[in-house]
């Protein structure tokens, strides 16, 4: 793994260290066609709209993008979601 790849992996790990952001990625992975802001916020369980917008903004561009008023995972976001799913499966077996 190159230094750039290592830095990128560290940045993604830092993004997902917050449960709101990790759950946002999980919810978008489970939704085909993406989700509108209010639906995504409700599914994530975020009560404060402004705070959720902050967390969503941290994900945008790297793992999440907005298309036609809906938020969807980027290709990298889909890979990360699959990894999260795999980690969750391993944790449940332990």
PDB file of N, CA and C in Angstrom:
ATOM      1  N   UNK A   1       0.854  -1.180   0.000  1.00  0.00           N
ATOM      2  CA  UNK A   1       0.000   0.000   0.000  1.00  0.00           C
ATOM      3  C   UNK A   1       0.895   1.237   0.000  1.00  0.00           C
ATOM      4  N   UNK A   2       0.626   2.156  -0.896  1.00  0.00           N
ATOM      5  CA  UNK A   2       1.446   3.358  -0.982  1.00  0.00           C
ATOM      6  C   UNK A   2       1.072   4.333   0.133  1.00  0.00           C
ATOM      7  N   UNK A   3       1.907   5.350   0.326  1.00  0.00           N
ATOM      8  CA  UNK A   3       1.642   6.366   1.342  1.00  0.00           C
ATOM      9  C   UNK A   3       0.309   7.059   1.057  1.00  0.00           C
ATOM     10  N   UNK A   4       0.045   7.355  -0.220  1.00  0.00           N
ATOM     11  CA  UNK A   4      -1.214   8.018  -0.583  1.00  0.00           C
ATOM     12  C   UNK A   4      -2.406   7.136  -0.238  1.00  0.00           C
ATOM     13  N   UNK A   5      -2.345   5.844  -0.561  1.00  0.00           N
ATOM     14  CA  UNK A   5      -3.427   4.929  -0.224  1.00  0.00           C
ATOM     15  C   UNK A   5      -3.597   4.817   1.278  1.00  0.00           C
ATOM     16  N   UNK A   6      -2.485   4.784   1.993  1.00  0.00           N
ATOM     17  CA  UNK A   6      -2.529   4.711   3.451  1.00  0.00           C
ATOM     18  C   UNK A   6      -3.175   5.963   4.035  1.00  0.00           C
ATOM     19  N   UNK A   7      -2.805   7.137   3.503  1.00  0.00           N
ATOM     20  CA  UNK A   7      -3.400   8.390   3.959  1.00  0.00           C
ATOM     21  C   UNK A   7      -4.894   8.409   3.684  1.00  0.00           C
ATOM     22  N   UNK A   8      -5.290   7.910   2.508  1.00  0.00           N
ATOM     23  CA  UNK A   8      -6.695   7.876   2.138  1.00  0.00           C
ATOM     24  C   UNK A   8      -7.467   6.937   3.065  1.00  0.00           C
ATOM     25  N   UNK A   9      -6.909   5.776   3.336  1.00  0.00           N
ATOM     26  CA  UNK A   9      -7.560   4.821   4.234  1.00  0.00           C
ATOM     27  C   UNK A   9      -7.709   5.421   5.630  1.00  0.00           C
ATOM     28  N   UNK A  10      -6.707   6.137   6.077  1.00  0.00           N
ATOM     29  CA  UNK A  10      -6.777   6.792   7.389  1.00  0.00           C
ATOM     30  C   UNK A  10      -7.869   7.856   7.408  1.00  0.00           C
ATOM     31  N   UNK A  11      -7.978   8.616   6.335  1.00  0.00           N
ATOM     32  CA  UNK A  11      -9.012   9.656   6.246  1.00  0.00           C
ATOM     33  C   UNK A  11     -10.407   9.036   6.273  1.00  0.00           C
ATOM     34  N   UNK A  12     -10.604   7.940   5.571  1.00  0.00           N
ATOM     35  CA  UNK A  12     -11.903   7.264   5.560  1.00  0.00           C
ATOM     36  C   UNK A  12     -12.200   6.705   6.950  1.00  0.00           C
ATOM     37  N   UNK A  13     -11.213   6.095   7.574  1.00  0.00           N
ATOM     38  CA  UNK A  13     -11.402   5.561   8.923  1.00  0.00           C
ATOM     39  C   UNK A  13     -11.799   6.674   9.888  1.00  0.00           C
ATOM     40  N   UNK A  14     -11.130   7.827   9.772  1.00  0.00           N
ATOM     41  CA  UNK A  14     -11.475   8.975  10.619  1.00  0.00           C
ATOM     42  C   UNK A  14     -12.918   9.424  10.371  1.00  0.00           C
ATOM     43  N   UNK A  15     -13.342   9.450   9.117  1.00  0.00           N
ATOM     44  CA  UNK A  15     -14.723   9.822   8.801  1.00  0.00           C
ATOM     45  C   UNK A  15     -15.714   8.887   9.479  1.00  0.00           C
ATOM     46  N   UNK A  16     -15.415   7.607   9.455  1.00  0.00           N
ATOM     47  CA  UNK A  16     -16.350   6.613   9.976  1.00  0.00           C
ATOM     48  C   UNK A  16     -16.221   6.376  11.471  1.00  0.00           C
ATOM     49  N   UNK A  17     -15.306   7.089  12.110  1.00  0.00           N
ATOM     50  CA  UNK A  17     -15.168   6.947  13.560  1.00  0.00           C
ATOM     51  C   UNK A  17     -16.362   7.558  14.290  1.00  0.00           C
ATOM     52  N   UNK A  18     -17.135   8.368  13.591  1.00  0.00           N
ATOM     53  CA  UNK A  18     -18.349   8.939  14.163  1.00  0.00           C
ATOM     54  C   UNK A  18     -19.534   8.045  13.797  1.00  0.00           C
ATOM     55  N   UNK A  19     -20.314   7.633  14.781  1.00  0.00           N
ATOM     56  CA  UNK A  19     -21.416   6.699  14.546  1.00  0.00           C
ATOM     57  C   UNK A  19     -22.471   7.273  13.601  1.00  0.00           C
ATOM     58  N   UNK A  20     -22.733   8.576  13.658  1.00  0.00           N
ATOM     59  CA  UNK A  20     -23.712   9.176  12.745  1.00  0.00           C
ATOM     60  C   UNK A  20     -23.266   9.007  11.299  1.00  0.00           C
ATOM     61  N   UNK A  21     -21.996   9.235  11.032  1.00  0.00           N
ATOM     62  CA  UNK A  21     -21.490   9.092   9.672  1.00  0.00           C
ATOM     63  C   UNK A  21     -21.464   7.626   9.245  1.00  0.00           C
ATOM     64  N   UNK A  22     -21.060   6.736  10.130  1.00  0.00           N
ATOM     65  CA  UNK A  22     -21.048   5.309   9.793  1.00  0.00           C
ATOM     66  C   UNK A  22     -22.471   4.826   9.512  1.00  0.00           C
ATOM     67  N   UNK A  23     -23.424   5.238  10.319  1.00  0.00           N
ATOM     68  CA  UNK A  23     -24.811   4.821  10.102  1.00  0.00           C
ATOM     69  C   UNK A  23     -25.382   5.433   8.830  1.00  0.00           C
ATOM     70  N   UNK A  24     -24.956   6.625   8.490  1.00  0.00           N
ATOM     71  CA  UNK A  24     -25.392   7.251   7.236  1.00  0.00           C
ATOM     72  C   UNK A  24     -24.948   6.396   6.052  1.00  0.00           C
ATOM     73  N   UNK A  25     -23.708   5.937   6.074  1.00  0.00           N
ATOM     74  CA  UNK A  25     -23.202   5.078   5.003  1.00  0.00           C
ATOM     75  C   UNK A  25     -23.993   3.772   4.971  1.00  0.00           C
ATOM     76  N   UNK A  26     -24.258   3.191   6.131  1.00  0.00           N
ATOM     77  CA  UNK A  26     -25.032   1.941   6.180  1.00  0.00           C
ATOM     78  C   UNK A  26     -26.434   2.135   5.597  1.00  0.00           C
ATOM     79  N   UNK A  27     -27.097   3.218   5.972  1.00  0.00           N
ATOM     80  CA  UNK A  27     -28.461   3.464   5.498  1.00  0.00           C
ATOM     81  C   UNK A  27     -28.498   3.710   3.993  1.00  0.00           C
ATOM     82  N   UNK A  28     -27.529   4.438   3.485  1.00  0.00           N
ATOM     83  CA  UNK A  28     -27.490   4.667   2.040  1.00  0.00           C
ATOM     84  C   UNK A  28     -27.189   3.377   1.284  1.00  0.00           C
ATOM     85  N   UNK A  29     -26.382   2.518   1.871  1.00  0.00           N
ATOM     86  CA  UNK A  29     -26.081   1.237   1.227  1.00  0.00           C
ATOM     87  C   UNK A  29     -27.329   0.359   1.152  1.00  0.00           C
ATOM     88  N   UNK A  30     -28.197   0.484   2.132  1.00  0.00           N
ATOM     89  CA  UNK A  30     -29.413  -0.334   2.182  1.00  0.00           C
ATOM     90  C   UNK A  30     -30.527   0.209   1.292  1.00  0.00           C
ATOM     91  N   UNK A  31     -30.399   1.443   0.843  1.00  0.00           N
ATOM     92  CA  UNK A  31     -31.458   2.095   0.062  1.00  0.00           C
ATOM     93  C   UNK A  31     -31.082   2.149  -1.410  1.00  0.00           C
ATOM     94  N   UNK A  32     -31.865   1.495  -2.234  1.00  0.00           N
ATOM     95  CA  UNK A  32     -31.602   1.593  -3.662  1.00  0.00           C
ATOM     96  C   UNK A  32     -32.175   2.909  -4.169  1.00  0.00           C
ATOM     97  N   UNK A  33     -31.413   3.602  -4.961  1.00  0.00           N
ATOM     98  CA  UNK A  33     -31.875   4.867  -5.517  1.00  0.00           C
ATOM     99  C   UNK A  33     -31.624   6.086  -4.650  1.00  0.00           C
ATOM    100  N   UNK A  34     -30.997   5.897  -3.503  1.00  0.00           N
ATOM    101  CA  UNK A  34     -30.680   7.020  -2.632  1.00  0.00           C
ATOM    102  C   UNK A  34     -31.839   7.457  -1.765  1.00  0.00           C
ATOM    103  N   UNK A  35     -31.563   8.431  -0.910  1.00  0.00           N
ATOM    104  CA  UNK A  35     -32.566   8.933   0.029  1.00  0.00           C
ATOM    105  C   UNK A  35     -32.539  10.451   0.081  1.00  0.00           C
ATOM    106  N   UNK A  36     -33.693  11.038   0.272  1.00  0.00           N
ATOM    107  CA  UNK A  36     -33.783  12.474   0.509  1.00  0.00           C
ATOM    108  C   UNK A  36     -33.255  12.776   1.910  1.00  0.00           C
ATOM    109  N   UNK A  37     -32.839  14.006   2.120  1.00  0.00           N
ATOM    110  CA  UNK A  37     -32.231  14.422   3.385  1.00  0.00           C
ATOM    111  C   UNK A  37     -33.095  14.034   4.583  1.00  0.00           C
ATOM    112  N   UNK A  38     -34.373  14.403   4.552  1.00  0.00           N
ATOM    113  CA  UNK A  38     -35.236  14.167   5.720  1.00  0.00           C
ATOM    114  C   UNK A  38     -35.423  12.673   5.994  1.00  0.00           C
ATOM    115  N   UNK A  39     -35.538  11.878   4.958  1.00  0.00           N
ATOM    116  CA  UNK A  39     -35.689  10.431   5.138  1.00  0.00           C
ATOM    117  C   UNK A  39     -34.403   9.826   5.681  1.00  0.00           C
ATOM    118  N   UNK A  40     -33.288  10.246   5.126  1.00  0.00           N
ATOM    119  CA  UNK A  40     -31.992   9.750   5.585  1.00  0.00           C
ATOM    120  C   UNK A  40     -31.770  10.132   7.047  1.00  0.00           C
ATOM    121  N   UNK A  41     -32.045  11.359   7.403  1.00  0.00           N
ATOM    122  CA  UNK A  41     -31.869  11.821   8.790  1.00  0.00           C
ATOM    123  C   UNK A  41     -32.711  10.984   9.740  1.00  0.00           C
ATOM    124  N   UNK A  42     -33.953  10.725   9.357  1.00  0.00           N
ATOM    125  CA  UNK A  42     -34.854   9.934  10.204  1.00  0.00           C
ATOM    126  C   UNK A  42     -34.331   8.503  10.358  1.00  0.00           C
ATOM    127  N   UNK A  43     -33.888   7.900   9.268  1.00  0.00           N
ATOM    128  CA  UNK A  43     -33.379   6.517   9.329  1.00  0.00           C
ATOM    129  C   UNK A  43     -32.109   6.405  10.152  1.00  0.00           C
ATOM    130  N   UNK A  44     -31.293   7.438  10.089  1.00  0.00           N
ATOM    131  CA  UNK A  44     -30.054   7.451  10.876  1.00  0.00           C
ATOM    132  C   UNK A  44     -30.370   7.669  12.356  1.00  0.00           C
ATOM    133  N   UNK A  45     -31.490   8.328  12.625  1.00  0.00           N
ATOM    134  CA  UNK A  45     -31.870   8.598  14.014  1.00  0.00           C
ATOM    135  C   UNK A  45     -31.313   9.908  14.539  1.00  0.00           C
ATOM    136  N   UNK A  46     -30.962  10.802  13.623  1.00  0.00           N
ATOM    137  CA  UNK A  46     -30.408  12.107  14.009  1.00  0.00           C
ATOM    138  C   UNK A  46     -31.550  13.076  14.279  1.00  0.00           C
ATOM    139  N   UNK A  47     -31.598  13.627  15.456  1.00  0.00           N
ATOM    140  CA  UNK A  47     -32.675  14.545  15.833  1.00  0.00           C
ATOM    141  C   UNK A  47     -32.426  15.972  15.356  1.00  0.00           C
ATOM    142  N   UNK A  48     -31.188  16.394  15.421  1.00  0.00           N
ATOM    143  CA  UNK A  48     -30.824  17.773  15.083  1.00  0.00           C
ATOM    144  C   UNK A  48     -30.458  17.864  13.602  1.00  0.00           C
ATOM    145  N   UNK A  49     -31.269  18.574  12.836  1.00  0.00           N
ATOM    146  CA  UNK A  49     -31.067  18.708  11.397  1.00  0.00           C
ATOM    147  C   UNK A  49     -29.723  19.356  11.060  1.00  0.00           C
ATOM    148  N   UNK A  50     -29.367  20.386  11.781  1.00  0.00           N
ATOM    149  CA  UNK A  50     -28.112  21.092  11.517  1.00  0.00           C
ATOM    150  C   UNK A  50     -26.898  20.221  11.793  1.00  0.00           C
ATOM    151  N   UNK A  51     -26.951  19.491  12.879  1.00  0.00           N
ATOM    152  CA  UNK A  51     -25.832  18.608  13.222  1.00  0.00           C
ATOM    153  C   UNK A  51     -25.719  17.471  12.200  1.00  0.00           C
ATOM    154  N   UNK A  52     -26.864  16.939  11.765  1.00  0.00           N
ATOM    155  CA  UNK A  52     -26.830  15.882  10.761  1.00  0.00           C
ATOM    156  C   UNK A  52     -26.272  16.430   9.446  1.00  0.00           C
ATOM    157  N   UNK A  53     -26.667  17.636   9.085  1.00  0.00           N
ATOM    158  CA  UNK A  53     -26.161  18.267   7.868  1.00  0.00           C
ATOM    159  C   UNK A  53     -24.632  18.400   7.925  1.00  0.00           C
ATOM    160  N   UNK A  54     -24.106  18.722   9.089  1.00  0.00           N
ATOM    161  CA  UNK A  54     -22.656  18.808   9.273  1.00  0.00           C
ATOM    162  C   UNK A  54     -22.004  17.454   8.964  1.00  0.00           C
ATOM    163  N   UNK A  55     -22.535  16.385   9.550  1.00  0.00           N
ATOM    164  CA  UNK A  55     -21.955  15.057   9.343  1.00  0.00           C
ATOM    165  C   UNK A  55     -22.087  14.603   7.885  1.00  0.00           C
ATOM    166  N   UNK A  56     -23.229  14.885   7.289  1.00  0.00           N
ATOM    167  CA  UNK A  56     -23.430  14.542   5.883  1.00  0.00           C
ATOM    168  C   UNK A  56     -22.437  15.312   5.010  1.00  0.00           C
ATOM    169  N   UNK A  57     -22.213  16.555   5.344  1.00  0.00           N
ATOM    170  CA  UNK A  57     -21.249  17.376   4.614  1.00  0.00           C
ATOM    171  C   UNK A  57     -19.835  16.814   4.684  1.00  0.00           C
ATOM    172  N   UNK A  58     -19.480  16.204   5.805  1.00  0.00           N
ATOM    173  CA  UNK A  58     -18.157  15.591   5.948  1.00  0.00           C
ATOM    174  C   UNK A  58     -18.003  14.393   5.010  1.00  0.00           C
ATOM    175  N   UNK A  59     -19.121  13.698   4.725  1.00  0.00           N
ATOM    176  CA  UNK A  59     -19.081  12.523   3.857  1.00  0.00           C
ATOM    177  C   UNK A  59     -19.139  12.872   2.372  1.00  0.00           C
ATOM    178  N   UNK A  60     -19.745  14.021   2.068  1.00  0.00           N
ATOM    179  CA  UNK A  60     -19.949  14.399   0.666  1.00  0.00           C
ATOM    180  C   UNK A  60     -18.628  14.599  -0.048  1.00  0.00           C
ATOM    181  N   UNK A  61     -18.614  14.129  -1.286  1.00  0.00           N
ATOM    182  CA  UNK A  61     -17.416  14.261  -2.107  1.00  0.00           C
ATOM    183  C   UNK A  61     -16.504  13.061  -2.004  1.00  0.00           C
ATOM    184  N   UNK A  62     -16.472  12.428  -0.874  1.00  0.00           N
ATOM    185  CA  UNK A  62     -15.593  11.270  -0.693  1.00  0.00           C
ATOM    186  C   UNK A  62     -16.398   9.972  -0.720  1.00  0.00           C
ATOM    187  N   UNK A  63     -17.469   9.895   0.074  1.00  0.00           N
ATOM    188  CA  UNK A  63     -18.256   8.672   0.160  1.00  0.00           C
ATOM    189  C   UNK A  63     -19.703   8.854  -0.291  1.00  0.00           C
ATOM    190  N   UNK A  64     -20.162  10.087  -0.294  1.00  0.00           N
ATOM    191  CA  UNK A  64     -21.573  10.394  -0.598  1.00  0.00           C
ATOM    192  C   UNK A  64     -21.629  11.522  -1.612  1.00  0.00           C
ATOM    193  N   UNK A  65     -22.616  11.451  -2.493  1.00  0.00           N
ATOM    194  CA  UNK A  65     -22.869  12.563  -3.404  1.00  0.00           C
ATOM    195  C   UNK A  65     -24.370  12.788  -3.506  1.00  0.00           C
ATOM    196  N   UNK A  66     -24.741  13.971  -3.958  1.00  0.00           N
ATOM    197  CA  UNK A  66     -26.146  14.316  -4.112  1.00  0.00           C
ATOM    198  C   UNK A  66     -26.498  14.275  -5.592  1.00  0.00           C
ATOM    199  N   UNK A  67     -27.564  13.529  -5.888  1.00  0.00           N
ATOM    200  CA  UNK A  67     -28.061  13.427  -7.267  1.00  0.00           C
ATOM    201  C   UNK A  67     -29.572  13.622  -7.236  1.00  0.00           C
ATOM    202  N   UNK A  68     -30.043  14.616  -7.955  1.00  0.00           N
ATOM    203  CA  UNK A  68     -31.490  14.839  -8.073  1.00  0.00           C
ATOM    204  C   UNK A  68     -32.190  14.855  -6.708  1.00  0.00           C
ATOM    205  N   UNK A  69     -31.695  15.644  -5.792  1.00  0.00           N
ATOM    206  CA  UNK A  69     -32.274  15.835  -4.458  1.00  0.00           C
ATOM    207  C   UNK A  69     -32.191  14.589  -3.576  1.00  0.00           C
ATOM    208  N   UNK A  70     -31.402  13.618  -3.977  1.00  0.00           N
ATOM    209  CA  UNK A  70     -31.214  12.408  -3.176  1.00  0.00           C
ATOM    210  C   UNK A  70     -29.721  12.199  -2.921  1.00  0.00           C
ATOM    211  N   UNK A  71     -29.438  11.640  -1.784  1.00  0.00           N
ATOM    212  CA  UNK A  71     -28.057  11.310  -1.446  1.00  0.00           C
ATOM    213  C   UNK A  71     -27.804   9.847  -1.762  1.00  0.00           C
ATOM    214  N   UNK A  72     -26.686   9.586  -2.410  1.00  0.00           N
ATOM    215  CA  UNK A  72     -26.291   8.237  -2.799  1.00  0.00           C
ATOM    216  C   UNK A  72     -24.818   8.041  -2.462  1.00  0.00           C
ATOM    217  N   UNK A  73     -24.414   6.787  -2.380  1.00  0.00           N
ATOM    218  CA  UNK A  73     -23.009   6.491  -2.146  1.00  0.00           C
ATOM    219  C   UNK A  73     -22.225   6.621  -3.447  1.00  0.00           C
ATOM    220  N   UNK A  74     -21.011   7.109  -3.339  1.00  0.00           N
ATOM    221  CA  UNK A  74     -20.087   7.091  -4.462  1.00  0.00           C
ATOM    222  C   UNK A  74     -19.580   5.658  -4.611  1.00  0.00           C
ATOM    223  N   UNK A  75     -18.810   5.408  -5.644  1.00  0.00           N
ATOM    224  CA  UNK A  75     -18.232   4.070  -5.805  1.00  0.00           C
ATOM    225  C   UNK A  75     -17.394   3.711  -4.581  1.00  0.00           C
ATOM    226  N   UNK A  76     -16.589   4.650  -4.124  1.00  0.00           N
ATOM    227  CA  UNK A  76     -15.778   4.414  -2.923  1.00  0.00           C
ATOM    228  C   UNK A  76     -16.684   4.165  -1.721  1.00  0.00           C
ATOM    229  N   UNK A  77     -17.778   4.912  -1.643  1.00  0.00           N
ATOM    230  CA  UNK A  77     -18.731   4.729  -0.549  1.00  0.00           C
ATOM    231  C   UNK A  77     -19.331   3.335  -0.544  1.00  0.00           C
ATOM    232  N   UNK A  78     -19.615   2.803  -1.723  1.00  0.00           N
ATOM    233  CA  UNK A  78     -20.157   1.437  -1.814  1.00  0.00           C
ATOM    234  C   UNK A  78     -19.128   0.415  -1.334  1.00  0.00           C
ATOM    235  N   UNK A  79     -17.864   0.625  -1.679  1.00  0.00           N
ATOM    236  CA  UNK A  79     -16.805  -0.285  -1.215  1.00  0.00           C
ATOM    237  C   UNK A  79     -16.667  -0.215   0.303  1.00  0.00           C
ATOM    238  N   UNK A  80     -16.709   0.999   0.834  1.00  0.00           N
ATOM    239  CA  UNK A  80     -16.606   1.183   2.281  1.00  0.00           C
ATOM    240  C   UNK A  80     -17.799   0.538   2.981  1.00  0.00           C
ATOM    241  N   UNK A  81     -18.997   0.705   2.425  1.00  0.00           N
ATOM    242  CA  UNK A  81     -20.197   0.103   3.020  1.00  0.00           C
ATOM    243  C   UNK A  81     -20.082  -1.415   3.053  1.00  0.00           C
ATOM    244  N   UNK A  82     -19.549  -2.000   1.989  1.00  0.00           N
ATOM    245  CA  UNK A  82     -19.367  -3.453   1.959  1.00  0.00           C
ATOM    246  C   UNK A  82     -18.373  -3.887   3.030  1.00  0.00           C
ATOM    247  N   UNK A  83     -17.349  -3.087   3.234  1.00  0.00           N
ATOM    248  CA  UNK A  83     -16.368  -3.385   4.277  1.00  0.00           C
ATOM    249  C   UNK A  83     -17.016  -3.283   5.654  1.00  0.00           C
ATOM    250  N   UNK A  84     -17.806  -2.234   5.870  1.00  0.00           N
ATOM    251  CA  UNK A  84     -18.517  -2.079   7.144  1.00  0.00           C
ATOM    252  C   UNK A  84     -19.422  -3.274   7.399  1.00  0.00           C
ATOM    253  N   UNK A  85     -20.114  -3.719   6.358  1.00  0.00           N
ATOM    254  CA  UNK A  85     -20.999  -4.858   6.478  1.00  0.00           C
ATOM    255  C   UNK A  85     -20.203  -6.103   6.865  1.00  0.00           C
ATOM    256  N   UNK A  86     -19.053  -6.286   6.254  1.00  0.00           N
ATOM    257  CA  UNK A  86     -18.193  -7.421   6.582  1.00  0.00           C
ATOM    258  C   UNK A  86     -17.676  -7.364   8.005  1.00  0.00           C
ATOM    259  N   UNK A  87     -17.313  -6.180   8.454  1.00  0.00           N
ATOM    260  CA  UNK A  87     -16.845  -6.011   9.833  1.00  0.00           C
ATOM    261  C   UNK A  87     -17.975  -6.312  10.804  1.00  0.00           C
ATOM    262  N   UNK A  88     -19.170  -5.833  10.490  1.00  0.00           N
ATOM    263  CA  UNK A  88     -20.327  -6.086  11.343  1.00  0.00           C
ATOM    264  C   UNK A  88     -20.641  -7.566  11.429  1.00  0.00           C
ATOM    265  N   UNK A  89     -20.515  -8.273  10.329  1.00  0.00           N
ATOM    266  CA  UNK A  89     -20.764  -9.717  10.309  1.00  0.00           C
ATOM    267  C   UNK A  89     -19.733 -10.455  11.167  1.00  0.00           C
ATOM    268  N   UNK A  90     -18.480 -10.055  11.070  1.00  0.00           N
ATOM    269  CA  UNK A  90     -17.414 -10.684  11.864  1.00  0.00           C
ATOM    270  C   UNK A  90     -17.632 -10.416  13.340  1.00  0.00           C
ATOM    271  N   UNK A  91     -18.039  -9.199  13.708  1.00  0.00           N
ATOM    272  CA  UNK A  91     -18.265  -8.842  15.094  1.00  0.00           C
ATOM    273  C   UNK A  91     -19.411  -9.657  15.677  1.00  0.00           C
ATOM    274  N   UNK A  92     -20.462  -9.869  14.906  1.00  0.00           N
ATOM    275  CA  UNK A  92     -21.621 -10.607  15.394  1.00  0.00           C
ATOM    276  C   UNK A  92     -21.281 -12.074  15.627  1.00  0.00           C
ATOM    277  N   UNK A  93     -20.349 -12.628  14.859  1.00  0.00           N
ATOM    278  CA  UNK A  93     -19.964 -14.029  15.028  1.00  0.00           C
ATOM    279  C   UNK A  93     -19.098 -14.241  16.257  1.00  0.00           C
ATOM    280  N   UNK A  94     -18.385 -13.210  16.677  1.00  0.00           N
ATOM    281  CA  UNK A  94     -17.446 -13.351  17.807  1.00  0.00           C
ATOM    282  C   UNK A  94     -18.161 -13.459  19.134  1.00  0.00           C
TER     283      UNK A  94
END
